[in-house]
Amino acid sequence: MVAVSVRPPTSTHHHHVRSKITPTSTLHRSLGLDSCSKAPRIRLKIFDESISLGFNCKHSPVINGVCLHCGRPMASDYGIRFDYIFDGLRLSLDEISRLKVANSNKLFAQKKLHLVLDLDHTLLHSKAFKKLTPDELYLMKQTDSNTSDGSLFVLDDAYLVKLRPFVRIFLEEASSMFEIYVCSMGSRYYVKKVATFLDPEGKYFDSRCISREDFKEKSKKNLELVLGREDRTIIIDDTKSVWSDHLDNLITVQEYNYFTDYHHNCKSYVEMKTDEIESEGELQNVLEVLRRIHGLFFDGLIKDIRCLPFKKFV
């Protein structure tokens, strides 16, 4: 969640800030201008962690190339982009480091850690209509319209999206122990759309959906944009190679292939006319691992989740 409020001074030195920012007010993101104050006051709220800036400007946050504190135009490559939180938002490296620690400390008081989840082949499987085999066409008549309890959905009249069995229980249970991020190589549009099938009420992810537009390297994921300490962050993904910089944080799961995929030697669940068994499936096993890790951490038996041999848990 992001909420930004700006109170610019009345001096003409800061008038260009007003022209750069449009006041808006929405449930999760808002910009506001109040010209009554004679002193600059800026507050940025990211995931309930507030930043208060005074006269000693550190040029963070920056929105649409302008420092919200002093109104100074910043270089286009200044800091790091956090468009997934607020379009045009950039934060300095120092501010990012501070927020990671502050957010982790806040969650620690709630007995929570950080969890980063992949989408495709981890929580779900999707396939374009035009790629469906003749044996899969019957699925078009079995889609669900109720996102709160269905498992097979139509996306933009172009894709079928199948949720992995047990995923709803998994997310509900995991959210009581972790602040959850989605981190996918899919486009921002796709990620946000698919996230609504998994989290129709927005209670698990909120705006914490990181997509390929956010990564500097298009074939590699990282924890740079996760506002939490790395020693308290667990990653769950079916692809190990994209997390080469964070293998100690990674729990690799067996990929979920519901639809036919000729790139795989094994038969899909559709071909076998069955599905992964909830009580014996991958997400059930991972949830048990997460419970154990959470217990070890908050019982004081470990201080860094990266020291755990995850492969022995799964």
C-alpha atoms as a PDB file:
ATOM      1  CA  MET A   1       0.000   0.000   0.000  1.00  0.00           C
ATOM      2  CA  VAL A   2       1.252   3.484  -0.830  1.00  0.00           C
ATOM      3  CA  ALA A   3      -0.098   6.781   0.329  1.00  0.00           C
ATOM      4  CA  VAL A   4       1.742   9.983  -0.465  1.00  0.00           C
ATOM      5  CA  SER A   5       0.809  13.425   0.729  1.00  0.00           C
ATOM      6  CA  VAL A   6       2.740  16.548  -0.227  1.00  0.00           C
ATOM      7  CA  ARG A   7       2.530  19.984   1.349  1.00  0.00           C
ATOM      8  CA  PRO A   8       4.682  22.325  -0.720  1.00  0.00           C
ATOM      9  CA  PRO A   9       5.790  25.723   0.553  1.00  0.00           C
ATOM     10  CA  THR A  10       4.315  28.862  -0.940  1.00  0.00           C
ATOM     11  CA  SER A  11       7.618  30.025  -2.370  1.00  0.00           C
ATOM     12  CA  THR A  12       7.920  29.972  -6.158  1.00  0.00           C
ATOM     13  CA  HIS A  13      10.971  27.716  -5.890  1.00  0.00           C
ATOM     14  CA  HIS A  14       8.684  24.742  -5.398  1.00  0.00           C
ATOM     15  CA  HIS A  15       5.852  25.670  -7.725  1.00  0.00           C
ATOM     16  CA  HIS A  16       7.013  23.213 -10.392  1.00  0.00           C
ATOM     17  CA  VAL A  17       6.234  20.338  -8.042  1.00  0.00           C
ATOM     18  CA  ARG A  18       2.562  21.217  -8.293  1.00  0.00           C
ATOM     19  CA  SER A  19       2.677  20.971 -12.082  1.00  0.00           C
ATOM     20  CA  LYS A  20       4.413  17.601 -11.994  1.00  0.00           C
ATOM     21  CA  ILE A  21       1.974  15.820  -9.696  1.00  0.00           C
ATOM     22  CA  THR A  22      -1.728  15.277 -10.151  1.00  0.00           C
ATOM     23  CA  PRO A  23      -3.763  14.867  -6.941  1.00  0.00           C
ATOM     24  CA  THR A  24      -5.605  11.542  -6.798  1.00  0.00           C
ATOM     25  CA  SER A  25      -7.334   9.533  -4.114  1.00  0.00           C
ATOM     26  CA  THR A  26      -7.870   5.798  -4.355  1.00  0.00           C
ATOM     27  CA  LEU A  27      -8.107   2.926  -1.936  1.00  0.00           C
ATOM     28  CA  HIS A  28      -4.452   1.929  -2.108  1.00  0.00           C
ATOM     29  CA  ARG A  29      -2.633   4.869  -3.690  1.00  0.00           C
ATOM     30  CA  SER A  30      -3.111   8.577  -3.236  1.00  0.00           C
ATOM     31  CA  LEU A  31      -1.344  11.840  -3.967  1.00  0.00           C
ATOM     32  CA  GLY A  32      -2.531  14.983  -2.250  1.00  0.00           C
ATOM     33  CA  LEU A  33      -1.563  18.657  -2.310  1.00  0.00           C
ATOM     34  CA  ASP A  34      -2.243  21.125   0.486  1.00  0.00           C
ATOM     35  CA  SER A  35      -0.981  24.646  -0.148  1.00  0.00           C
ATOM     36  CA  CYS A  36      -1.929  25.963   3.298  1.00  0.00           C
ATOM     37  CA  SER A  37       1.360  25.013   4.954  1.00  0.00           C
ATOM     38  CA  LYS A  38       4.358  27.347   4.663  1.00  0.00           C
ATOM     39  CA  ALA A  39       6.900  24.582   5.282  1.00  0.00           C
ATOM     40  CA  PRO A  40       7.442  21.529   3.116  1.00  0.00           C
ATOM     41  CA  ARG A  41       6.114  18.340   4.668  1.00  0.00           C
ATOM     42  CA  ILE A  42       6.145  15.055   2.805  1.00  0.00           C
ATOM     43  CA  ARG A  43       4.992  11.657   3.981  1.00  0.00           C
ATOM     44  CA  LEU A  44       5.216   8.497   1.936  1.00  0.00           C
ATOM     45  CA  LYS A  45       3.607   5.343   3.268  1.00  0.00           C
ATOM     46  CA  ILE A  46       4.818   2.063   1.810  1.00  0.00           C
ATOM     47  CA  PHE A  47       3.245  -1.108   3.184  1.00  0.00           C
ATOM     48  CA  ASP A  48       2.345   0.819   6.360  1.00  0.00           C
ATOM     49  CA  GLU A  49       5.915   2.062   6.853  1.00  0.00           C
ATOM     50  CA  SER A  50       6.005   5.889   6.875  1.00  0.00           C
ATOM     51  CA  ILE A  51       8.787   8.100   5.617  1.00  0.00           C
ATOM     52  CA  SER A  52       8.909  11.619   7.014  1.00  0.00           C
ATOM     53  CA  LEU A  53      11.204  14.132   5.357  1.00  0.00           C
ATOM     54  CA  GLY A  54      12.308  17.515   6.684  1.00  0.00           C
ATOM     55  CA  PHE A  55      14.530  20.192   5.217  1.00  0.00           C
ATOM     56  CA  ASN A  56      17.625  17.944   4.911  1.00  0.00           C
ATOM     57  CA  CYS A  57      16.756  16.470   1.522  1.00  0.00           C
ATOM     58  CA  LYS A  58      17.894  12.947   0.683  1.00  0.00           C
ATOM     59  CA  HIS A  59      15.985  12.922  -2.626  1.00  0.00           C
ATOM     60  CA  SER A  60      13.751  10.015  -1.772  1.00  0.00           C
ATOM     61  CA  PRO A  61      11.029   9.397  -2.710  1.00  0.00           C
ATOM     62  CA  VAL A  62      11.061  10.527  -6.324  1.00  0.00           C
ATOM     63  CA  ILE A  63       7.916  10.362  -8.455  1.00  0.00           C
ATOM     64  CA  ASN A  64       7.944  10.933 -12.206  1.00  0.00           C
ATOM     65  CA  GLY A  65      11.493  12.267 -12.046  1.00  0.00           C
ATOM     66  CA  VAL A  66      10.869  14.877  -9.329  1.00  0.00           C
ATOM     67  CA  CYS A  67      11.985  14.724  -5.702  1.00  0.00           C
ATOM     68  CA  LEU A  68       8.863  15.043  -3.570  1.00  0.00           C
ATOM     69  CA  HIS A  69      10.810  16.877  -0.893  1.00  0.00           C
ATOM     70  CA  CYS A  70      12.713  19.654  -2.625  1.00  0.00           C
ATOM     71  CA  GLY A  71      11.137  19.542  -6.088  1.00  0.00           C
ATOM     72  CA  ARG A  72      14.476  18.960  -7.769  1.00  0.00           C
ATOM     73  CA  PRO A  73      14.386  17.082 -11.109  1.00  0.00           C
ATOM     74  CA  MET A  74      16.354  13.847 -10.800  1.00  0.00           C
ATOM     75  CA  ALA A  75      18.231  11.780 -13.374  1.00  0.00           C
ATOM     76  CA  SER A  76      16.153   9.169 -15.175  1.00  0.00           C
ATOM     77  CA  ASP A  77      18.258   6.369 -13.690  1.00  0.00           C
ATOM     78  CA  TYR A  78      18.187   7.701 -10.119  1.00  0.00           C
ATOM     79  CA  GLY A  79      17.678   5.061  -7.438  1.00  0.00           C
ATOM     80  CA  ILE A  80      15.548   2.017  -8.165  1.00  0.00           C
ATOM     81  CA  ARG A  81      12.101   1.881  -9.766  1.00  0.00           C
ATOM     82  CA  PHE A  82       9.189   0.661  -7.672  1.00  0.00           C
ATOM     83  CA  ASP A  83       6.478   0.961 -10.311  1.00  0.00           C
ATOM     84  CA  TYR A  84       4.683  -2.079  -8.916  1.00  0.00           C
ATOM     85  CA  ILE A  85       3.918   0.000  -5.809  1.00  0.00           C
ATOM     86  CA  PHE A  86       3.230   3.316  -7.522  1.00  0.00           C
ATOM     87  CA  ASP A  87       3.755   4.215 -11.166  1.00  0.00           C
ATOM     88  CA  GLY A  88       6.803   6.476 -11.489  1.00  0.00           C
ATOM     89  CA  LEU A  89       8.052   5.870  -7.955  1.00  0.00           C
ATOM     90  CA  ARG A  90      11.805   5.655  -7.350  1.00  0.00           C
ATOM     91  CA  LEU A  91      13.586   5.201  -4.040  1.00  0.00           C
ATOM     92  CA  SER A  92      17.219   5.799  -3.141  1.00  0.00           C
ATOM     93  CA  LEU A  93      19.386   2.841  -2.159  1.00  0.00           C
ATOM     94  CA  ASP A  94      19.663   4.150   1.403  1.00  0.00           C
ATOM     95  CA  GLU A  95      15.895   4.475   1.694  1.00  0.00           C
ATOM     96  CA  ILE A  96      15.370   0.973   0.327  1.00  0.00           C
ATOM     97  CA  SER A  97      17.789  -0.454   2.901  1.00  0.00           C
ATOM     98  CA  ARG A  98      16.024   1.427   5.678  1.00  0.00           C
ATOM     99  CA  LEU A  99      12.600   0.245   4.551  1.00  0.00           C
ATOM    100  CA  LYS A 100      13.718  -3.380   4.300  1.00  0.00           C
ATOM    101  CA  VAL A 101      14.854  -3.352   7.920  1.00  0.00           C
ATOM    102  CA  ALA A 102      11.887  -1.337   9.182  1.00  0.00           C
ATOM    103  CA  ASN A 103       9.331  -3.541   7.442  1.00  0.00           C
ATOM    104  CA  SER A 104      10.976  -6.733   8.693  1.00  0.00           C
ATOM    105  CA  ASN A 105      11.003  -5.366  12.224  1.00  0.00           C
ATOM    106  CA  LYS A 106       7.324  -4.481  11.973  1.00  0.00           C
ATOM    107  CA  LEU A 107       6.492  -7.984  10.754  1.00  0.00           C
ATOM    108  CA  PHE A 108       8.675  -9.558  13.437  1.00  0.00           C
ATOM    109  CA  ALA A 109       6.394  -7.988  16.044  1.00  0.00           C
ATOM    110  CA  GLN A 110       3.504  -9.747  14.264  1.00  0.00           C
ATOM    111  CA  LYS A 111       5.450 -13.030  14.133  1.00  0.00           C
ATOM    112  CA  LYS A 112       5.699 -12.882  10.354  1.00  0.00           C
ATOM    113  CA  LEU A 113       8.458 -13.367   7.799  1.00  0.00           C
ATOM    114  CA  HIS A 114       8.532 -12.633   4.046  1.00  0.00           C
ATOM    115  CA  LEU A 115       7.423 -15.085   1.342  1.00  0.00           C
ATOM    116  CA  VAL A 116       7.988 -14.644  -2.410  1.00  0.00           C
ATOM    117  CA  LEU A 117       5.870 -16.824  -4.708  1.00  0.00           C
ATOM    118  CA  ASP A 118       6.215 -17.599  -8.385  1.00  0.00           C
ATOM    119  CA  LEU A 119       2.989 -17.907 -10.401  1.00  0.00           C
ATOM    120  CA  ASP A 120       3.209 -20.109 -13.516  1.00  0.00           C
ATOM    121  CA  HIS A 121       3.815 -23.808 -12.838  1.00  0.00           C
ATOM    122  CA  THR A 122       4.048 -23.035  -9.106  1.00  0.00           C
ATOM    123  CA  LEU A 123       0.586 -21.764  -8.131  1.00  0.00           C
ATOM    124  CA  LEU A 124      -1.184 -22.267 -11.473  1.00  0.00           C
ATOM    125  CA  HIS A 125      -0.909 -23.238 -15.132  1.00  0.00           C
ATOM    126  CA  SER A 126      -2.236 -21.230 -18.072  1.00  0.00           C
ATOM    127  CA  LYS A 127      -2.606 -21.978 -21.775  1.00  0.00           C
ATOM    128  CA  ALA A 128      -3.751 -19.981 -24.785  1.00  0.00           C
ATOM    129  CA  PHE A 129      -6.998 -21.056 -26.467  1.00  0.00           C
ATOM    130  CA  LYS A 130      -5.219 -21.390 -29.791  1.00  0.00           C
ATOM    131  CA  LYS A 131      -2.782 -23.919 -28.310  1.00  0.00           C
ATOM    132  CA  LEU A 132      -5.397 -26.215 -26.774  1.00  0.00           C
ATOM    133  CA  THR A 133      -5.334 -29.721 -28.161  1.00  0.00           C
ATOM    134  CA  PRO A 134      -8.560 -31.351 -29.442  1.00  0.00           C
ATOM    135  CA  ASP A 135      -8.659 -33.402 -26.232  1.00  0.00           C
ATOM    136  CA  GLU A 136      -8.590 -30.216 -24.141  1.00  0.00           C
ATOM    137  CA  LEU A 137     -11.382 -28.289 -25.853  1.00  0.00           C
ATOM    138  CA  TYR A 138     -14.014 -29.742 -23.512  1.00  0.00           C
ATOM    139  CA  LEU A 139     -12.469 -27.640 -20.720  1.00  0.00           C
ATOM    140  CA  MET A 140     -13.874 -24.499 -22.351  1.00  0.00           C
ATOM    141  CA  LYS A 141     -17.309 -25.541 -21.087  1.00  0.00           C
ATOM    142  CA  GLN A 142     -16.115 -26.246 -17.549  1.00  0.00           C
ATOM    143  CA  THR A 143     -14.752 -22.845 -16.567  1.00  0.00           C
ATOM    144  CA  ASP A 144     -15.776 -21.060 -13.376  1.00  0.00           C
ATOM    145  CA  SER A 145     -17.166 -17.566 -13.024  1.00  0.00           C
ATOM    146  CA  ASN A 146     -16.893 -17.384  -9.229  1.00  0.00           C
ATOM    147  CA  THR A 147     -13.306 -16.355  -8.445  1.00  0.00           C
ATOM    148  CA  SER A 148     -13.753 -17.006  -4.717  1.00  0.00           C
ATOM    149  CA  ASP A 149     -13.941 -20.790  -4.987  1.00  0.00           C
ATOM    150  CA  GLY A 150     -13.397 -21.850  -8.610  1.00  0.00           C
ATOM    151  CA  SER A 151     -10.232 -23.340 -10.085  1.00  0.00           C
ATOM    152  CA  LEU A 152     -10.525 -23.042 -13.894  1.00  0.00           C
ATOM    153  CA  PHE A 153     -10.929 -19.572 -15.370  1.00  0.00           C
ATOM    154  CA  VAL A 154     -10.973 -17.722 -18.672  1.00  0.00           C
ATOM    155  CA  LEU A 155      -8.590 -14.782 -19.045  1.00  0.00           C
ATOM    156  CA  ASP A 156      -9.481 -12.140 -21.640  1.00  0.00           C
ATOM    157  CA  ASP A 157     -11.261 -14.689 -23.864  1.00  0.00           C
ATOM    158  CA  ALA A 158      -7.821 -15.924 -24.848  1.00  0.00           C
ATOM    159  CA  TYR A 159      -6.425 -18.109 -22.066  1.00  0.00           C
ATOM    160  CA  LEU A 160      -7.454 -20.857 -19.710  1.00  0.00           C
ATOM    161  CA  VAL A 161      -6.010 -20.511 -16.214  1.00  0.00           C
ATOM    162  CA  LYS A 162      -6.023 -23.529 -13.896  1.00  0.00           C
ATOM    163  CA  LEU A 163      -5.218 -23.021 -10.210  1.00  0.00           C
ATOM    164  CA  ARG A 164      -3.121 -25.643  -8.508  1.00  0.00           C
ATOM    165  CA  PRO A 165      -5.063 -27.826  -6.052  1.00  0.00           C
ATOM    166  CA  PHE A 166      -4.772 -26.676  -2.407  1.00  0.00           C
ATOM    167  CA  VAL A 167      -3.616 -23.190  -3.459  1.00  0.00           C
ATOM    168  CA  ARG A 168      -6.423 -21.341  -1.643  1.00  0.00           C
ATOM    169  CA  ILE A 169      -5.768 -23.107   1.645  1.00  0.00           C
ATOM    170  CA  PHE A 170      -2.043 -22.631   1.105  1.00  0.00           C
ATOM    171  CA  LEU A 171      -2.382 -18.867   0.677  1.00  0.00           C
ATOM    172  CA  GLU A 172      -4.726 -18.519   3.641  1.00  0.00           C
ATOM    173  CA  GLU A 173      -2.398 -20.451   5.948  1.00  0.00           C
ATOM    174  CA  ALA A 174       0.805 -18.899   4.620  1.00  0.00           C
ATOM    175  CA  SER A 175      -0.549 -15.354   4.993  1.00  0.00           C
ATOM    176  CA  SER A 176      -0.854 -15.885   8.744  1.00  0.00           C
ATOM    177  CA  MET A 177       2.913 -16.486   8.927  1.00  0.00           C
ATOM    178  CA  PHE A 178       4.286 -14.368   6.068  1.00  0.00           C
ATOM    179  CA  GLU A 179       3.867 -11.150   4.152  1.00  0.00           C
ATOM    180  CA  ILE A 180       3.423 -12.489   0.618  1.00  0.00           C
ATOM    181  CA  TYR A 181       4.830 -11.175  -2.663  1.00  0.00           C
ATOM    182  CA  VAL A 182       4.152 -12.478  -6.155  1.00  0.00           C
ATOM    183  CA  CYS A 183       7.215 -12.483  -8.393  1.00  0.00           C
ATOM    184  CA  SER A 184       6.680 -13.549 -12.006  1.00  0.00           C
ATOM    185  CA  MET A 185       8.300 -13.301 -15.421  1.00  0.00           C
ATOM    186  CA  GLY A 186       4.847 -12.566 -16.826  1.00  0.00           C
ATOM    187  CA  SER A 187       3.799  -9.092 -17.927  1.00  0.00           C
ATOM    188  CA  ARG A 188       2.364  -6.687 -15.352  1.00  0.00           C
ATOM    189  CA  TYR A 189      -1.046  -6.916 -16.999  1.00  0.00           C
ATOM    190  CA  TYR A 190      -1.018 -10.721 -16.899  1.00  0.00           C
ATOM    191  CA  VAL A 191       0.260 -10.896 -13.317  1.00  0.00           C
ATOM    192  CA  LYS A 192      -2.377  -8.506 -11.990  1.00  0.00           C
ATOM    193  CA  LYS A 193      -5.155 -10.289 -13.851  1.00  0.00           C
ATOM    194  CA  VAL A 194      -4.121 -13.745 -12.701  1.00  0.00           C
ATOM    195  CA  ALA A 195      -3.599 -12.509  -9.140  1.00  0.00           C
ATOM    196  CA  THR A 196      -7.315 -11.703  -8.965  1.00  0.00           C
ATOM    197  CA  PHE A 197      -8.115 -15.390  -9.505  1.00  0.00           C
ATOM    198  CA  LEU A 198      -5.873 -16.333  -6.579  1.00  0.00           C
ATOM    199  CA  ASP A 199      -6.708 -13.375  -4.371  1.00  0.00           C
ATOM    200  CA  PRO A 200     -10.048 -11.855  -5.430  1.00  0.00           C
ATOM    201  CA  GLU A 201     -10.388  -9.826  -2.219  1.00  0.00           C
ATOM    202  CA  GLY A 202      -6.815  -8.541  -2.263  1.00  0.00           C
ATOM    203  CA  LYS A 203      -6.052  -9.820   1.233  1.00  0.00           C
ATOM    204  CA  TYR A 204      -2.896 -11.812   0.432  1.00  0.00           C
ATOM    205  CA  PHE A 205      -0.869  -9.776  -2.077  1.00  0.00           C
ATOM    206  CA  ASP A 206      -2.291  -6.235  -1.999  1.00  0.00           C
ATOM    207  CA  SER A 207      -0.050  -4.387  -4.506  1.00  0.00           C
ATOM    208  CA  ARG A 208       2.951  -6.666  -3.926  1.00  0.00           C
ATOM    209  CA  CYS A 209       2.969  -8.131  -7.458  1.00  0.00           C
ATOM    210  CA  ILE A 210       6.364  -7.915  -9.170  1.00  0.00           C
ATOM    211  CA  SER A 211       6.469  -8.610 -12.923  1.00  0.00           C
ATOM    212  CA  ARG A 212       9.019  -8.736 -15.733  1.00  0.00           C
ATOM    213  CA  GLU A 213       8.795  -4.973 -16.334  1.00  0.00           C
ATOM    214  CA  ASP A 214      10.337  -4.492 -12.887  1.00  0.00           C
ATOM    215  CA  PHE A 215      13.480  -6.574 -13.462  1.00  0.00           C
ATOM    216  CA  LYS A 216      16.727  -5.172 -14.812  1.00  0.00           C
ATOM    217  CA  GLU A 217      17.626  -8.577 -16.254  1.00  0.00           C
ATOM    218  CA  LYS A 218      14.699 -10.140 -18.098  1.00  0.00           C
ATOM    219  CA  SER A 219      15.809 -13.725 -17.490  1.00  0.00           C
ATOM    220  CA  LYS A 220      16.673 -13.325 -13.838  1.00  0.00           C
ATOM    221  CA  LYS A 221      14.696 -12.618 -10.670  1.00  0.00           C
ATOM    222  CA  ASN A 222      16.054 -10.992  -7.521  1.00  0.00           C
ATOM    223  CA  LEU A 223      14.988  -9.747  -4.087  1.00  0.00           C
ATOM    224  CA  GLU A 224      15.973  -6.140  -4.744  1.00  0.00           C
ATOM    225  CA  LEU A 225      12.346  -5.009  -4.922  1.00  0.00           C
ATOM    226  CA  VAL A 226      11.133  -7.010  -1.914  1.00  0.00           C
ATOM    227  CA  LEU A 227      10.925  -4.667   1.064  1.00  0.00           C
ATOM    228  CA  GLY A 228      12.226  -7.103   3.628  1.00  0.00           C
ATOM    229  CA  ARG A 229      15.494  -8.441   4.964  1.00  0.00           C
ATOM    230  CA  GLU A 230      16.910 -11.268   2.868  1.00  0.00           C
ATOM    231  CA  ASP A 231      17.721 -13.333   5.945  1.00  0.00           C
ATOM    232  CA  ARG A 232      13.972 -13.418   6.669  1.00  0.00           C
ATOM    233  CA  THR A 233      12.739 -14.077   3.119  1.00  0.00           C
ATOM    234  CA  ILE A 234      11.769 -17.422   1.594  1.00  0.00           C
ATOM    235  CA  ILE A 235      11.262 -17.962  -2.146  1.00  0.00           C
ATOM    236  CA  ILE A 236       9.082 -20.673  -3.692  1.00  0.00           C
ATOM    237  CA  ASP A 237       9.523 -21.316  -7.408  1.00  0.00           C
ATOM    238  CA  ASP A 238       9.596 -24.253  -9.827  1.00  0.00           C
ATOM    239  CA  THR A 239      12.591 -22.777 -11.697  1.00  0.00           C
ATOM    240  CA  LYS A 240      15.930 -22.697  -9.930  1.00  0.00           C
ATOM    241  CA  SER A 241      17.949 -20.974 -12.655  1.00  0.00           C
ATOM    242  CA  VAL A 242      16.166 -17.607 -12.386  1.00  0.00           C
ATOM    243  CA  TRP A 243      17.200 -17.227  -8.726  1.00  0.00           C
ATOM    244  CA  SER A 244      20.958 -17.748  -9.156  1.00  0.00           C
ATOM    245  CA  ASP A 245      21.729 -14.890  -6.734  1.00  0.00           C
ATOM    246  CA  HIS A 246      19.413 -16.187  -4.005  1.00  0.00           C
ATOM    247  CA  LEU A 247      19.677 -19.966  -3.997  1.00  0.00           C
ATOM    248  CA  ASP A 248      19.961 -20.034  -0.197  1.00  0.00           C
ATOM    249  CA  ASN A 249      16.485 -18.479   0.030  1.00  0.00           C
ATOM    250  CA  LEU A 250      14.897 -20.820  -2.497  1.00  0.00           C
ATOM    251  CA  ILE A 251      12.591 -23.779  -2.054  1.00  0.00           C
ATOM    252  CA  THR A 252      12.237 -25.433  -5.453  1.00  0.00           C
ATOM    253  CA  VAL A 253       8.924 -27.189  -6.111  1.00  0.00           C
ATOM    254  CA  GLN A 254       7.857 -29.636  -8.785  1.00  0.00           C
ATOM    255  CA  GLU A 255       6.257 -27.759 -11.642  1.00  0.00           C
ATOM    256  CA  TYR A 256       2.512 -27.977 -12.080  1.00  0.00           C
ATOM    257  CA  ASN A 257       1.530 -29.067 -15.599  1.00  0.00           C
ATOM    258  CA  TYR A 258      -2.207 -29.327 -15.895  1.00  0.00           C
ATOM    259  CA  PHE A 259      -2.406 -28.749 -19.652  1.00  0.00           C
ATOM    260  CA  THR A 260      -0.588 -30.693 -22.347  1.00  0.00           C
ATOM    261  CA  ASP A 261       2.902 -29.374 -22.970  1.00  0.00           C
ATOM    262  CA  TYR A 262       4.943 -31.089 -25.665  1.00  0.00           C
ATOM    263  CA  HIS A 263       8.133 -29.686 -24.165  1.00  0.00           C
ATOM    264  CA  HIS A 264       7.726 -32.126 -21.292  1.00  0.00           C
ATOM    265  CA  ASN A 265       8.142 -35.862 -21.519  1.00  0.00           C
ATOM    266  CA  CYS A 266       5.589 -36.665 -18.833  1.00  0.00           C
ATOM    267  CA  LYS A 267       1.840 -36.701 -19.418  1.00  0.00           C
ATOM    268  CA  SER A 268      -0.225 -33.762 -18.232  1.00  0.00           C
ATOM    269  CA  TYR A 269      -3.073 -34.058 -15.768  1.00  0.00           C
ATOM    270  CA  VAL A 270      -5.548 -33.326 -18.577  1.00  0.00           C
ATOM    271  CA  GLU A 271      -4.205 -36.248 -20.586  1.00  0.00           C
ATOM    272  CA  MET A 272      -4.536 -38.474 -17.537  1.00  0.00           C
ATOM    273  CA  LYS A 273      -8.005 -36.978 -16.826  1.00  0.00           C
ATOM    274  CA  THR A 274      -7.070 -36.300 -13.221  1.00  0.00           C
ATOM    275  CA  ASP A 275      -5.374 -33.630 -11.115  1.00  0.00           C
ATOM    276  CA  GLU A 276      -2.846 -33.270  -8.341  1.00  0.00           C
ATOM    277  CA  ILE A 277      -4.216 -34.688  -5.067  1.00  0.00           C
ATOM    278  CA  GLU A 278      -4.648 -31.862  -2.553  1.00  0.00           C
ATOM    279  CA  SER A 279      -3.662 -33.836   0.531  1.00  0.00           C
ATOM    280  CA  GLU A 280      -0.541 -35.217  -1.152  1.00  0.00           C
ATOM    281  CA  GLY A 281       0.317 -32.348  -3.479  1.00  0.00           C
ATOM    282  CA  GLU A 282       3.306 -30.069  -3.644  1.00  0.00           C
ATOM    283  CA  LEU A 283       1.690 -27.077  -1.938  1.00  0.00           C
ATOM    284  CA  GLN A 284       0.609 -29.181   1.018  1.00  0.00           C
ATOM    285  CA  ASN A 285       4.211 -30.360   1.434  1.00  0.00           C
ATOM    286  CA  VAL A 286       5.604 -26.844   1.096  1.00  0.00           C
ATOM    287  CA  LEU A 287       3.150 -25.495   3.646  1.00  0.00           C
ATOM    288  CA  GLU A 288       4.440 -28.001   6.190  1.00  0.00           C
ATOM    289  CA  VAL A 289       7.986 -26.847   5.456  1.00  0.00           C
ATOM    290  CA  LEU A 290       6.988 -23.208   5.937  1.00  0.00           C
ATOM    291  CA  ARG A 291       5.384 -24.028   9.273  1.00  0.00           C
ATOM    292  CA  ARG A 292       8.562 -25.715  10.454  1.00  0.00           C
ATOM    293  CA  ILE A 293      10.791 -22.863   9.346  1.00  0.00           C
ATOM    294  CA  HIS A 294       8.474 -20.293  10.913  1.00  0.00           C
ATOM    295  CA  GLY A 295       8.500 -22.240  14.173  1.00  0.00           C
ATOM    296  CA  LEU A 296      12.285 -22.574  14.220  1.00  0.00           C
ATOM    297  CA  PHE A 297      12.734 -18.856  13.616  1.00  0.00           C
ATOM    298  CA  PHE A 298      10.298 -17.577  16.218  1.00  0.00           C
ATOM    299  CA  ASP A 299      11.377 -20.167  18.776  1.00  0.00           C
ATOM    300  CA  GLY A 300      14.798 -18.557  18.497  1.00  0.00           C
ATOM    301  CA  LEU A 301      16.520 -21.640  17.115  1.00  0.00           C
ATOM    302  CA  ILE A 302      17.640 -19.867  13.916  1.00  0.00           C
ATOM    303  CA  LYS A 303      18.273 -16.214  13.105  1.00  0.00           C
ATOM    304  CA  ASP A 304      18.834 -16.519   9.367  1.00  0.00           C
ATOM    305  CA  ILE A 305      16.533 -18.698   7.243  1.00  0.00           C
ATOM    306  CA  ARG A 306      19.281 -18.995   4.616  1.00  0.00           C
ATOM    307  CA  CYS A 307      21.240 -21.340   6.876  1.00  0.00           C
ATOM    308  CA  LEU A 308      18.579 -24.050   6.526  1.00  0.00           C
ATOM    309  CA  PRO A 309      19.113 -26.960   4.111  1.00  0.00           C
ATOM    310  CA  PHE A 310      15.770 -26.532   2.339  1.00  0.00           C
ATOM    311  CA  LYS A 311      16.282 -29.599   0.160  1.00  0.00           C
ATOM    312  CA  LYS A 312      16.098 -31.764   3.268  1.00  0.00           C
ATOM    313  CA  PHE A 313      12.742 -30.275   4.212  1.00  0.00           C
ATOM    314  CA  VAL A 314      10.800 -30.759   0.979  1.00  0.00           C
END
